[in-house]
């Protein structure tokens, strides 16, 4: 059997199953006709047994491939699809503050080998902050692109910014900027800490730059997944 066959393709499955099934049917029909000596009969039995074992092996391998693909699919997500979904979920918050969100991507199929719930916890925290800590009638720019074996998600807002001496502290659990506290903006101070932990768990990086009163920009990067679309 060709180990490189893709058993997600129905034609490959049918082709590889057809040969042993045809052989088994043929030899059973010969046995039903009778008039065979004992030696020939046992040879037919051996061939039927061998083809049946081959068939069972094929079925087991197909099931293993299908299981692997299902498990991979559960741990893989298309960033474009997910980010658009998060934007829809955050639309009421954006409309309330008159925030315009734009998304740009250099590919429709950028996949990362990270479960959707983990990606959600990273990106919704950052995008929500970009809306919440923005100026009235502000903007959020989201860029998704791949380059040199990595995928990048850049989220930039036109918001209040972060004091320079606090940028290194924003990923600390329960830390909240003095600026947001003074403005009485609600928050737990835990969202970015969780996002940073998940990014590191999946061999990624998260960088932030900001200018007070002008913008804040997060760039999240991960190794690019080579898993194809199922």
Protein backbone atom coordinates (compact mmCIF):
# COMPACT_ATOMS: atom_id res chain seq x y z
CA UNK A 1 0.00 0.00 0.00
CA UNK A 2 1.21 3.50 -0.80
CA UNK A 3 1.73 5.17 2.57
CA UNK A 4 1.65 8.63 0.96
CA UNK A 5 -1.95 8.38 -0.18
CA UNK A 6 -4.26 11.03 1.21
CA UNK A 7 -7.17 9.15 2.78
CA UNK A 8 -9.19 12.34 3.08
CA UNK A 9 -9.77 11.80 -0.66
CA UNK A 10 -12.72 9.49 -1.33
CA UNK A 11 -11.31 8.28 -4.67
CA UNK A 12 -8.11 7.05 -2.98
CA UNK A 13 -10.15 5.20 -0.35
CA UNK A 14 -12.37 3.50 -2.95
CA UNK A 15 -9.40 2.55 -5.13
CA UNK A 16 -7.43 0.89 -2.34
CA UNK A 17 -10.43 -0.94 -0.90
CA UNK A 18 -11.67 -2.23 -4.26
CA UNK A 19 -8.71 -4.55 -4.99
CA UNK A 20 -8.89 -6.82 -1.92
CA UNK A 21 -12.70 -6.84 -1.94
CA UNK A 22 -12.73 -7.92 -5.61
CA UNK A 23 -10.19 -10.65 -4.89
CA UNK A 24 -12.17 -11.99 -1.90
CA UNK A 25 -15.42 -12.08 -3.90
CA UNK A 26 -13.70 -13.84 -6.79
CA UNK A 27 -12.22 -16.64 -4.70
CA UNK A 28 -15.43 -17.15 -2.71
CA UNK A 29 -17.29 -17.60 -6.02
CA UNK A 30 -14.67 -20.16 -7.12
CA UNK A 31 -15.13 -22.08 -3.86
CA UNK A 32 -18.90 -22.11 -4.33
CA UNK A 33 -18.47 -23.76 -7.71
CA UNK A 34 -16.77 -26.76 -6.06
CA UNK A 35 -14.84 -29.35 -8.04
CA UNK A 36 -11.51 -28.26 -6.51
CA UNK A 37 -8.94 -30.58 -4.98
CA UNK A 38 -7.98 -30.11 -1.33
CA UNK A 39 -4.71 -28.35 -2.13
CA UNK A 40 -6.40 -25.75 -4.37
CA UNK A 41 -9.19 -25.23 -1.82
CA UNK A 42 -6.71 -24.45 0.95
CA UNK A 43 -4.80 -22.12 -1.37
CA UNK A 44 -8.04 -20.25 -2.00
CA UNK A 45 -8.65 -20.04 1.75
CA UNK A 46 -5.14 -18.66 2.29
CA UNK A 47 -5.65 -16.00 -0.38
CA UNK A 48 -9.03 -15.00 1.09
CA UNK A 49 -7.48 -14.76 4.56
CA UNK A 50 -4.55 -12.71 3.25
CA UNK A 51 -6.81 -10.32 1.33
CA UNK A 52 -9.13 -9.98 4.34
CA UNK A 53 -6.18 -9.07 6.57
CA UNK A 54 -5.02 -6.55 3.97
CA UNK A 55 -8.52 -5.08 3.89
CA UNK A 56 -8.64 -4.83 7.68
CA UNK A 57 -5.25 -3.11 7.72
CA UNK A 58 -6.43 -0.60 5.12
CA UNK A 59 -9.59 0.17 7.09
CA UNK A 60 -7.59 0.67 10.31
CA UNK A 61 -5.13 2.98 8.56
CA UNK A 62 -7.96 5.01 7.02
CA UNK A 63 -9.59 5.36 10.44
CA UNK A 64 -6.27 6.46 11.96
CA UNK A 65 -5.79 9.11 9.27
CA UNK A 66 -9.35 10.38 9.75
CA UNK A 67 -8.85 10.52 13.52
CA UNK A 68 -5.58 12.41 13.10
CA UNK A 69 -7.21 14.91 10.73
CA UNK A 70 -10.10 15.47 13.13
CA UNK A 71 -7.70 16.02 16.03
CA UNK A 72 -5.58 18.36 13.90
CA UNK A 73 -8.66 20.29 12.81
CA UNK A 74 -9.68 20.81 16.43
CA UNK A 75 -6.27 22.33 17.13
CA UNK A 76 -6.06 24.39 13.97
CA UNK A 77 -7.86 27.57 13.02
CA UNK A 78 -8.06 30.01 10.14
CA UNK A 79 -7.11 33.40 11.56
CA UNK A 80 -9.12 35.38 9.02
CA UNK A 81 -12.31 33.53 9.87
CA UNK A 82 -11.75 33.77 13.61
CA UNK A 83 -10.86 37.45 13.68
CA UNK A 84 -13.91 38.37 11.60
CA UNK A 85 -16.01 36.40 14.09
CA UNK A 86 -14.49 38.26 17.05
CA UNK A 87 -15.16 41.59 15.34
CA UNK A 88 -18.84 40.68 14.98
CA UNK A 89 -18.99 39.74 18.66
CA UNK A 90 -17.45 43.09 19.63
CA UNK A 91 -19.60 45.14 17.24
CA UNK A 92 -21.98 46.42 19.96
CA UNK A 93 -19.03 47.80 21.95
CA UNK A 94 -17.53 49.39 18.83
CA UNK A 95 -20.85 50.98 17.81
CA UNK A 96 -21.39 52.32 21.31
CA UNK A 97 -18.08 54.19 21.12
CA UNK A 98 -18.29 54.95 17.37
CA UNK A 99 -15.11 53.01 16.67
CA UNK A 100 -14.32 52.02 13.09
CA UNK A 101 -12.52 48.67 12.62
CA UNK A 102 -10.68 47.70 9.44
CA UNK A 103 -9.10 44.33 8.62
CA UNK A 104 -6.41 43.65 6.06
CA UNK A 105 -4.88 40.25 5.20
CA UNK A 106 -2.36 39.08 2.59
CA UNK A 107 -4.00 35.64 2.38
CA UNK A 108 -7.45 34.16 2.90
CA UNK A 109 -6.04 30.94 4.35
CA UNK A 110 -3.64 31.64 7.19
CA UNK A 111 -3.72 28.76 9.67
CA UNK A 112 -2.11 28.34 13.07
CA UNK A 113 -1.90 25.11 15.04
CA UNK A 114 -3.64 26.56 18.08
CA UNK A 115 -7.12 25.70 19.39
CA UNK A 116 -9.79 28.27 18.57
CA UNK A 117 -10.60 28.93 22.23
CA UNK A 118 -6.95 29.85 22.90
CA UNK A 119 -6.78 32.17 19.89
CA UNK A 120 -10.03 33.72 21.06
CA UNK A 121 -8.66 34.51 24.52
CA UNK A 122 -5.60 36.17 23.00
CA UNK A 123 -7.22 38.27 20.31
CA UNK A 124 -10.51 39.23 21.89
CA UNK A 125 -8.62 40.65 24.89
CA UNK A 126 -6.38 42.79 22.68
CA UNK A 127 -9.12 43.87 20.24
CA UNK A 128 -11.52 44.67 23.08
CA UNK A 129 -8.86 46.84 24.71
CA UNK A 130 -8.23 48.58 21.37
CA UNK A 131 -11.91 49.54 21.33
CA UNK A 132 -12.34 50.26 25.02
CA UNK A 133 -9.22 52.43 25.42
CA UNK A 134 -9.72 54.26 22.15
CA UNK A 135 -10.92 57.80 21.58
CA UNK A 136 -14.49 58.56 20.58
CA UNK A 137 -14.79 58.09 16.78
CA UNK A 138 -11.42 56.36 16.84
CA UNK A 139 -10.14 53.57 14.63
CA UNK A 140 -8.72 50.07 15.03
CA UNK A 141 -6.52 48.62 12.30
CA UNK A 142 -5.97 44.86 12.15
CA UNK A 143 -3.39 43.40 9.77
CA UNK A 144 -2.88 39.64 9.29
CA UNK A 145 0.08 38.46 7.24
CA UNK A 146 2.66 35.72 6.93
CA UNK A 147 6.35 36.24 6.39
CA UNK A 148 9.45 34.03 6.69
CA UNK A 149 7.71 31.08 8.29
CA UNK A 150 5.68 33.11 10.76
CA UNK A 151 2.19 34.54 10.94
CA UNK A 152 1.70 38.05 12.33
CA UNK A 153 -1.39 39.77 13.73
CA UNK A 154 -0.94 43.51 14.16
CA UNK A 155 -3.60 45.42 16.09
CA UNK A 156 -3.21 49.20 16.21
CA UNK A 157 -5.61 51.73 17.69
CA UNK A 158 -5.86 55.52 17.73
CA UNK A 159 -6.44 55.55 21.46
CA UNK A 160 -5.19 57.05 24.68
CA UNK A 161 -1.88 55.20 24.65
CA UNK A 162 0.17 53.77 27.49
CA UNK A 163 2.69 55.74 29.58
CA UNK A 164 6.21 54.74 28.52
CA UNK A 165 7.23 53.72 32.03
CA UNK A 166 4.26 51.31 32.23
CA UNK A 167 4.62 49.40 28.93
CA UNK A 168 6.81 46.70 30.50
CA UNK A 169 4.23 46.15 33.26
CA UNK A 170 1.04 45.65 31.24
CA UNK A 171 1.46 41.86 31.00
CA UNK A 172 1.69 41.51 34.78
CA UNK A 173 -1.37 39.92 36.31
CA UNK A 174 -3.86 42.40 37.81
CA UNK A 175 -1.81 45.39 36.65
CA UNK A 176 -3.80 48.36 35.39
CA UNK A 177 -2.39 51.53 33.92
CA UNK A 178 -2.70 54.61 36.12
CA UNK A 179 -4.17 56.41 33.11
CA UNK A 180 -7.08 53.97 32.77
CA UNK A 181 -7.68 54.05 36.51
CA UNK A 182 -7.81 57.85 36.52
CA UNK A 183 -10.28 57.75 33.62
CA UNK A 184 -12.43 55.22 35.52
CA UNK A 185 -12.34 52.72 32.64
CA UNK A 186 -13.45 49.31 33.86
CA UNK A 187 -11.07 46.36 33.65
CA UNK A 188 -9.68 43.44 35.65
CA UNK A 189 -6.02 43.78 34.70
CA UNK A 190 -5.82 40.09 33.89
CA UNK A 191 -6.70 39.87 30.17
CA UNK A 192 -3.27 40.75 28.76
CA UNK A 193 -1.52 38.50 31.28
CA UNK A 194 -3.61 35.55 30.07
CA UNK A 195 -2.99 36.50 26.43
CA UNK A 196 0.75 36.65 27.00
CA UNK A 197 0.81 33.26 28.77
CA UNK A 198 -1.04 31.58 25.87
CA UNK A 199 1.22 33.20 23.26
CA UNK A 200 4.30 31.86 25.04
CA UNK A 201 2.69 28.44 25.45
CA UNK A 202 2.51 28.15 21.65
CA UNK A 203 6.04 29.41 20.93
CA UNK A 204 4.80 32.83 19.91
CA UNK A 205 5.77 36.40 20.70
CA UNK A 206 3.79 39.46 21.66
CA UNK A 207 5.22 42.96 21.33
CA UNK A 208 3.71 46.30 22.19
CA UNK A 209 4.56 49.88 21.32
CA UNK A 210 2.66 53.01 22.24
CA UNK A 211 2.72 56.78 22.23
CA UNK A 212 0.72 58.55 24.87
CA UNK A 213 -2.38 60.21 23.46
CA UNK A 214 -1.80 58.82 19.95
CA UNK A 215 -1.79 55.03 19.58
CA UNK A 216 -1.09 51.58 20.97
CA UNK A 217 0.07 48.72 18.76
CA UNK A 218 0.26 45.02 19.58
CA UNK A 219 2.01 42.56 17.26
CA UNK A 220 1.38 38.89 17.97
CA UNK A 221 3.38 36.31 16.01
CA UNK A 222 3.37 32.51 15.77
CA UNK A 223 5.19 29.89 13.71
CA UNK A 224 3.16 29.41 10.51
CA UNK A 225 1.15 26.19 10.38
CA UNK A 226 1.68 24.01 7.31
CA UNK A 227 -1.62 22.19 7.83
CA UNK A 228 -3.77 22.41 4.72
CA UNK A 229 -7.44 23.25 4.69
CA UNK A 230 -9.55 20.13 5.30
